[in-house]
Amino acid sequence: MDSLRSIALFVVAAVAEIGGAWLVWQGVREHRGLVWIGAGVIALGIYGFVATLQPDAHFGRILAAYGGVFVAGSLAWGMALDGFKPDRYDVAGALICLVGVAVIMYSPRAS
């Protein structure tokens, strides 16, 4: 059950961080204004909070593993919202990152 909760938290964190960064990008690069930037900053703050809810107590482990989720999530976000078309190397790299997430977070460890 902890693994399912952890995976769900990684998904929520990815939506908040990637979405927040995307909103800031839209506000600055696409000239959509301060409301978009402000919404992005709020979403980034939500990401920071959600990351603290992970069942593992080790900051470094959580952020290292989340990095792999961020890589895969960023590619997916780009596909869904910006028309990005990943090539096979993008897909392979994202899968490697997700395997790394699984190893870091869900390998059995001595208590």
N, C-alpha and C. Protein backbone atom coordinates (compact mmCIF):
# COMPACT_ATOMS: atom_id res chain seq x y z
N MET A 1 0.81 -1.20 0.00
CA MET A 1 0.00 0.00 0.00
C MET A 1 0.86 1.27 0.00
N ASP A 2 2.00 1.22 0.72
CA ASP A 2 2.91 2.37 0.72
C ASP A 2 3.41 2.67 -0.69
N SER A 3 3.65 1.62 -1.49
CA SER A 3 4.13 1.83 -2.86
C SER A 3 3.08 2.54 -3.70
N LEU A 4 1.83 2.15 -3.58
CA LEU A 4 0.77 2.80 -4.36
C LEU A 4 0.61 4.26 -3.95
N ARG A 5 0.68 4.51 -2.64
CA ARG A 5 0.60 5.89 -2.15
C ARG A 5 1.77 6.70 -2.68
N SER A 6 2.96 6.12 -2.63
CA SER A 6 4.15 6.80 -3.11
C SER A 6 4.04 7.13 -4.59
N ILE A 7 3.59 6.19 -5.39
CA ILE A 7 3.43 6.42 -6.84
C ILE A 7 2.42 7.53 -7.08
N ALA A 8 1.30 7.49 -6.36
CA ALA A 8 0.28 8.55 -6.51
C ALA A 8 0.86 9.91 -6.14
N LEU A 9 1.66 9.97 -5.08
CA LEU A 9 2.28 11.23 -4.68
C LEU A 9 3.28 11.72 -5.73
N PHE A 10 4.01 10.80 -6.34
CA PHE A 10 4.92 11.20 -7.41
C PHE A 10 4.14 11.79 -8.58
N VAL A 11 3.01 11.21 -8.92
CA VAL A 11 2.19 11.73 -10.03
C VAL A 11 1.67 13.13 -9.69
N VAL A 12 1.13 13.29 -8.48
CA VAL A 12 0.63 14.61 -8.08
C VAL A 12 1.76 15.63 -8.07
N ALA A 13 2.91 15.24 -7.54
CA ALA A 13 4.07 16.15 -7.51
C ALA A 13 4.49 16.53 -8.92
N ALA A 14 4.48 15.57 -9.84
CA ALA A 14 4.88 15.85 -11.22
C ALA A 14 3.92 16.84 -11.88
N VAL A 15 2.62 16.63 -11.68
CA VAL A 15 1.64 17.55 -12.26
C VAL A 15 1.85 18.96 -11.69
N ALA A 16 2.07 19.04 -10.38
CA ALA A 16 2.26 20.35 -9.76
C ALA A 16 3.55 21.03 -10.24
N GLU A 17 4.65 20.29 -10.26
CA GLU A 17 5.92 20.93 -10.65
C GLU A 17 5.98 21.21 -12.14
N ILE A 18 5.67 20.23 -12.94
CA ILE A 18 5.75 20.44 -14.39
C ILE A 18 4.70 21.45 -14.82
N GLY A 19 3.50 21.33 -14.25
CA GLY A 19 2.45 22.31 -14.56
C GLY A 19 2.84 23.70 -14.12
N GLY A 20 3.44 23.81 -12.94
CA GLY A 20 3.88 25.12 -12.46
C GLY A 20 4.94 25.72 -13.35
N ALA A 21 5.91 24.92 -13.71
CA ALA A 21 6.97 25.42 -14.59
C ALA A 21 6.39 25.81 -15.95
N TRP A 22 5.44 25.03 -16.46
CA TRP A 22 4.80 25.33 -17.73
C TRP A 22 4.02 26.64 -17.66
N LEU A 23 3.31 26.85 -16.54
CA LEU A 23 2.57 28.10 -16.37
C LEU A 23 3.51 29.31 -16.34
N VAL A 24 4.63 29.19 -15.63
CA VAL A 24 5.60 30.28 -15.61
C VAL A 24 6.14 30.50 -17.03
N TRP A 25 6.47 29.42 -17.71
CA TRP A 25 6.95 29.50 -19.11
C TRP A 25 5.94 30.25 -19.97
N GLN A 26 4.67 29.87 -19.85
CA GLN A 26 3.63 30.52 -20.64
C GLN A 26 3.53 32.01 -20.29
N GLY A 27 3.61 32.31 -19.00
CA GLY A 27 3.52 33.70 -18.57
C GLY A 27 4.65 34.55 -19.09
N VAL A 28 5.86 34.00 -19.10
CA VAL A 28 7.04 34.77 -19.50
C VAL A 28 7.29 34.66 -21.00
N ARG A 29 7.47 33.44 -21.47
CA ARG A 29 7.88 33.23 -22.87
C ARG A 29 6.77 33.48 -23.88
N GLU A 30 5.54 33.20 -23.46
CA GLU A 30 4.40 33.38 -24.37
C GLU A 30 3.61 34.65 -24.05
N HIS A 31 4.17 35.46 -23.14
CA HIS A 31 3.61 36.77 -22.79
C HIS A 31 2.16 36.71 -22.34
N ARG A 32 1.84 35.70 -21.51
CA ARG A 32 0.46 35.58 -21.01
C ARG A 32 0.24 36.33 -19.71
N GLY A 33 1.31 36.80 -19.09
CA GLY A 33 1.16 37.72 -17.98
C GLY A 33 1.36 37.16 -16.59
N LEU A 34 1.18 38.07 -15.64
CA LEU A 34 1.46 37.78 -14.24
C LEU A 34 0.51 36.76 -13.62
N VAL A 35 -0.71 36.69 -14.09
CA VAL A 35 -1.64 35.70 -13.53
C VAL A 35 -1.12 34.29 -13.79
N TRP A 36 -0.62 34.04 -14.98
CA TRP A 36 -0.07 32.74 -15.32
C TRP A 36 1.18 32.46 -14.49
N ILE A 37 2.02 33.47 -14.37
CA ILE A 37 3.24 33.31 -13.58
C ILE A 37 2.89 33.03 -12.13
N GLY A 38 1.96 33.79 -11.57
CA GLY A 38 1.54 33.59 -10.18
C GLY A 38 0.96 32.21 -9.95
N ALA A 39 0.13 31.74 -10.89
CA ALA A 39 -0.43 30.39 -10.78
C ALA A 39 0.68 29.35 -10.81
N GLY A 40 1.69 29.59 -11.63
CA GLY A 40 2.83 28.68 -11.71
C GLY A 40 3.61 28.63 -10.41
N VAL A 41 3.82 29.79 -9.80
CA VAL A 41 4.54 29.85 -8.53
C VAL A 41 3.76 29.09 -7.45
N ILE A 42 2.45 29.25 -7.43
CA ILE A 42 1.62 28.52 -6.46
C ILE A 42 1.73 27.02 -6.69
N ALA A 43 1.63 26.61 -7.94
CA ALA A 43 1.75 25.17 -8.26
C ALA A 43 3.11 24.63 -7.84
N LEU A 44 4.16 25.40 -8.05
CA LEU A 44 5.50 24.95 -7.64
C LEU A 44 5.59 24.81 -6.12
N GLY A 45 4.93 25.69 -5.40
CA GLY A 45 4.87 25.56 -3.95
C GLY A 45 4.12 24.31 -3.53
N ILE A 46 3.04 23.99 -4.23
CA ILE A 46 2.28 22.76 -3.95
C ILE A 46 3.17 21.55 -4.18
N TYR A 47 3.95 21.57 -5.25
CA TYR A 47 4.89 20.47 -5.50
C TYR A 47 5.81 20.27 -4.29
N GLY A 48 6.38 21.36 -3.79
CA GLY A 48 7.29 21.25 -2.65
C GLY A 48 6.62 20.63 -1.44
N PHE A 49 5.37 20.95 -1.23
CA PHE A 49 4.63 20.37 -0.11
C PHE A 49 4.34 18.90 -0.35
N VAL A 50 3.86 18.56 -1.54
CA VAL A 50 3.50 17.17 -1.85
C VAL A 50 4.70 16.24 -1.69
N ALA A 51 5.86 16.70 -2.08
CA ALA A 51 7.07 15.87 -1.96
C ALA A 51 7.33 15.46 -0.51
N THR A 52 6.94 16.30 0.44
CA THR A 52 7.17 15.98 1.85
C THR A 52 6.25 14.87 2.35
N LEU A 53 5.23 14.53 1.61
CA LEU A 53 4.27 13.51 2.04
C LEU A 53 4.69 12.09 1.70
N GLN A 54 5.80 11.94 0.98
CA GLN A 54 6.28 10.60 0.64
C GLN A 54 6.56 9.80 1.92
N PRO A 55 6.25 8.50 1.92
CA PRO A 55 6.47 7.69 3.12
C PRO A 55 7.94 7.56 3.54
N ASP A 56 8.86 7.60 2.59
CA ASP A 56 10.29 7.51 2.92
C ASP A 56 10.74 8.82 3.54
N ALA A 57 11.57 8.75 4.54
CA ALA A 57 11.98 9.94 5.29
C ALA A 57 13.25 10.60 4.77
N HIS A 58 13.84 10.09 3.71
CA HIS A 58 15.13 10.59 3.24
C HIS A 58 14.96 11.56 2.07
N PHE A 59 15.22 12.82 2.34
CA PHE A 59 15.07 13.88 1.34
C PHE A 59 15.83 13.57 0.06
N GLY A 60 17.08 13.18 0.18
CA GLY A 60 17.90 12.91 -1.00
C GLY A 60 17.33 11.81 -1.86
N ARG A 61 16.85 10.76 -1.22
CA ARG A 61 16.27 9.63 -1.96
C ARG A 61 15.01 10.08 -2.70
N ILE A 62 14.16 10.80 -2.01
CA ILE A 62 12.90 11.23 -2.63
C ILE A 62 13.17 12.12 -3.83
N LEU A 63 14.04 13.12 -3.65
CA LEU A 63 14.31 14.05 -4.75
C LEU A 63 15.06 13.38 -5.89
N ALA A 64 15.94 12.45 -5.58
CA ALA A 64 16.65 11.73 -6.64
C ALA A 64 15.67 10.90 -7.46
N ALA A 65 14.81 10.19 -6.77
CA ALA A 65 13.82 9.37 -7.47
C ALA A 65 12.85 10.24 -8.25
N TYR A 66 12.43 11.35 -7.64
CA TYR A 66 11.50 12.23 -8.33
C TYR A 66 12.10 12.77 -9.63
N GLY A 67 13.41 12.92 -9.66
CA GLY A 67 14.06 13.37 -10.89
C GLY A 67 13.70 12.50 -12.08
N GLY A 68 13.65 11.19 -11.87
CA GLY A 68 13.26 10.28 -12.94
C GLY A 68 11.81 10.44 -13.34
N VAL A 69 10.95 10.66 -12.35
CA VAL A 69 9.53 10.91 -12.62
C VAL A 69 9.39 12.21 -13.41
N PHE A 70 10.18 13.22 -13.02
CA PHE A 70 10.15 14.50 -13.72
C PHE A 70 10.53 14.35 -15.19
N VAL A 71 11.54 13.56 -15.47
CA VAL A 71 11.97 13.36 -16.86
C VAL A 71 10.84 12.76 -17.69
N ALA A 72 10.27 11.68 -17.22
CA ALA A 72 9.20 11.03 -17.96
C ALA A 72 7.96 11.92 -18.03
N GLY A 73 7.62 12.56 -16.92
CA GLY A 73 6.45 13.42 -16.88
C GLY A 73 6.59 14.63 -17.78
N SER A 74 7.78 15.18 -17.87
CA SER A 74 8.00 16.33 -18.74
C SER A 74 7.78 15.98 -20.20
N LEU A 75 8.26 14.82 -20.60
CA LEU A 75 8.04 14.39 -21.98
C LEU A 75 6.55 14.18 -22.24
N ALA A 76 5.86 13.55 -21.29
CA ALA A 76 4.42 13.32 -21.44
C ALA A 76 3.66 14.64 -21.49
N TRP A 77 4.04 15.59 -20.63
CA TRP A 77 3.40 16.91 -20.63
C TRP A 77 3.59 17.59 -21.98
N GLY A 78 4.80 17.55 -22.48
CA GLY A 78 5.07 18.15 -23.78
C GLY A 78 4.26 17.52 -24.89
N MET A 79 4.07 16.23 -24.82
CA MET A 79 3.24 15.55 -25.83
C MET A 79 1.78 15.99 -25.71
N ALA A 80 1.28 16.07 -24.49
CA ALA A 80 -0.14 16.36 -24.26
C ALA A 80 -0.48 17.83 -24.53
N LEU A 81 0.41 18.75 -24.17
CA LEU A 81 0.05 20.16 -24.22
C LEU A 81 0.79 20.99 -25.26
N ASP A 82 1.92 20.51 -25.73
CA ASP A 82 2.70 21.31 -26.66
C ASP A 82 2.95 20.64 -28.01
N GLY A 83 2.36 19.49 -28.24
CA GLY A 83 2.54 18.82 -29.51
C GLY A 83 3.92 18.22 -29.72
N PHE A 84 4.67 18.03 -28.63
CA PHE A 84 6.00 17.44 -28.71
C PHE A 84 5.90 15.98 -29.13
N LYS A 85 6.77 15.56 -30.02
CA LYS A 85 6.80 14.17 -30.47
C LYS A 85 8.16 13.56 -30.10
N PRO A 86 8.19 12.77 -29.01
CA PRO A 86 9.46 12.19 -28.59
C PRO A 86 9.95 11.17 -29.60
N ASP A 87 11.26 11.10 -29.74
CA ASP A 87 11.82 10.05 -30.58
C ASP A 87 12.15 8.84 -29.71
N ARG A 88 12.67 7.81 -30.30
CA ARG A 88 12.93 6.57 -29.56
C ARG A 88 13.95 6.77 -28.44
N TYR A 89 14.85 7.73 -28.62
CA TYR A 89 15.84 7.99 -27.57
C TYR A 89 15.22 8.70 -26.38
N ASP A 90 14.27 9.59 -26.65
CA ASP A 90 13.52 10.22 -25.56
C ASP A 90 12.78 9.16 -24.75
N VAL A 91 12.11 8.27 -25.46
CA VAL A 91 11.33 7.21 -24.81
C VAL A 91 12.26 6.27 -24.03
N ALA A 92 13.35 5.87 -24.66
CA ALA A 92 14.29 4.97 -23.98
C ALA A 92 14.87 5.65 -22.73
N GLY A 93 15.24 6.90 -22.84
CA GLY A 93 15.78 7.62 -21.70
C GLY A 93 14.78 7.73 -20.57
N ALA A 94 13.52 8.02 -20.90
CA ALA A 94 12.47 8.11 -19.88
C ALA A 94 12.26 6.77 -19.20
N LEU A 95 12.27 5.70 -19.96
CA LEU A 95 12.10 4.37 -19.37
C LEU A 95 13.27 4.02 -18.45
N ILE A 96 14.47 4.36 -18.86
CA ILE A 96 15.64 4.13 -18.00
C ILE A 96 15.48 4.91 -16.69
N CYS A 97 15.03 6.15 -16.79
CA CYS A 97 14.82 6.95 -15.58
C CYS A 97 13.78 6.32 -14.67
N LEU A 98 12.69 5.80 -15.25
CA LEU A 98 11.65 5.18 -14.42
C LEU A 98 12.14 3.89 -13.77
N VAL A 99 13.00 3.16 -14.46
CA VAL A 99 13.62 1.99 -13.82
C VAL A 99 14.47 2.45 -12.64
N GLY A 100 15.19 3.53 -12.82
CA GLY A 100 15.98 4.09 -11.73
C GLY A 100 15.11 4.49 -10.55
N VAL A 101 13.96 5.08 -10.81
CA VAL A 101 13.01 5.43 -9.74
C VAL A 101 12.63 4.19 -8.97
N ALA A 102 12.28 3.13 -9.69
CA ALA A 102 11.86 1.89 -9.03
C ALA A 102 12.98 1.32 -8.17
N VAL A 103 14.20 1.34 -8.68
CA VAL A 103 15.33 0.80 -7.91
C VAL A 103 15.56 1.65 -6.65
N ILE A 104 15.57 2.96 -6.82
CA ILE A 104 15.83 3.84 -5.68
C ILE A 104 14.74 3.74 -4.63
N MET A 105 13.49 3.75 -5.05
CA MET A 105 12.39 3.86 -4.08
C MET A 105 11.87 2.53 -3.55
N TYR A 106 11.86 1.51 -4.38
CA TYR A 106 11.09 0.33 -4.01
C TYR A 106 11.91 -0.96 -3.84
N SER A 107 13.23 -0.82 -3.84
CA SER A 107 14.08 -1.98 -3.55
C SER A 107 13.98 -2.32 -2.06
N PRO A 108 14.03 -3.61 -1.74
CA PRO A 108 13.97 -3.97 -0.32
C PRO A 108 15.25 -3.51 0.39
N ARG A 109 15.07 -2.97 1.57
CA ARG A 109 16.21 -2.48 2.36
C ARG A 109 16.10 -3.05 3.76
N ALA A 110 17.25 -3.25 4.36
CA ALA A 110 17.27 -3.69 5.76
C ALA A 110 16.79 -2.53 6.63
N SER A 111 16.00 -2.83 7.63
CA SER A 111 15.47 -1.78 8.50
C SER A 111 16.50 -1.22 9.43
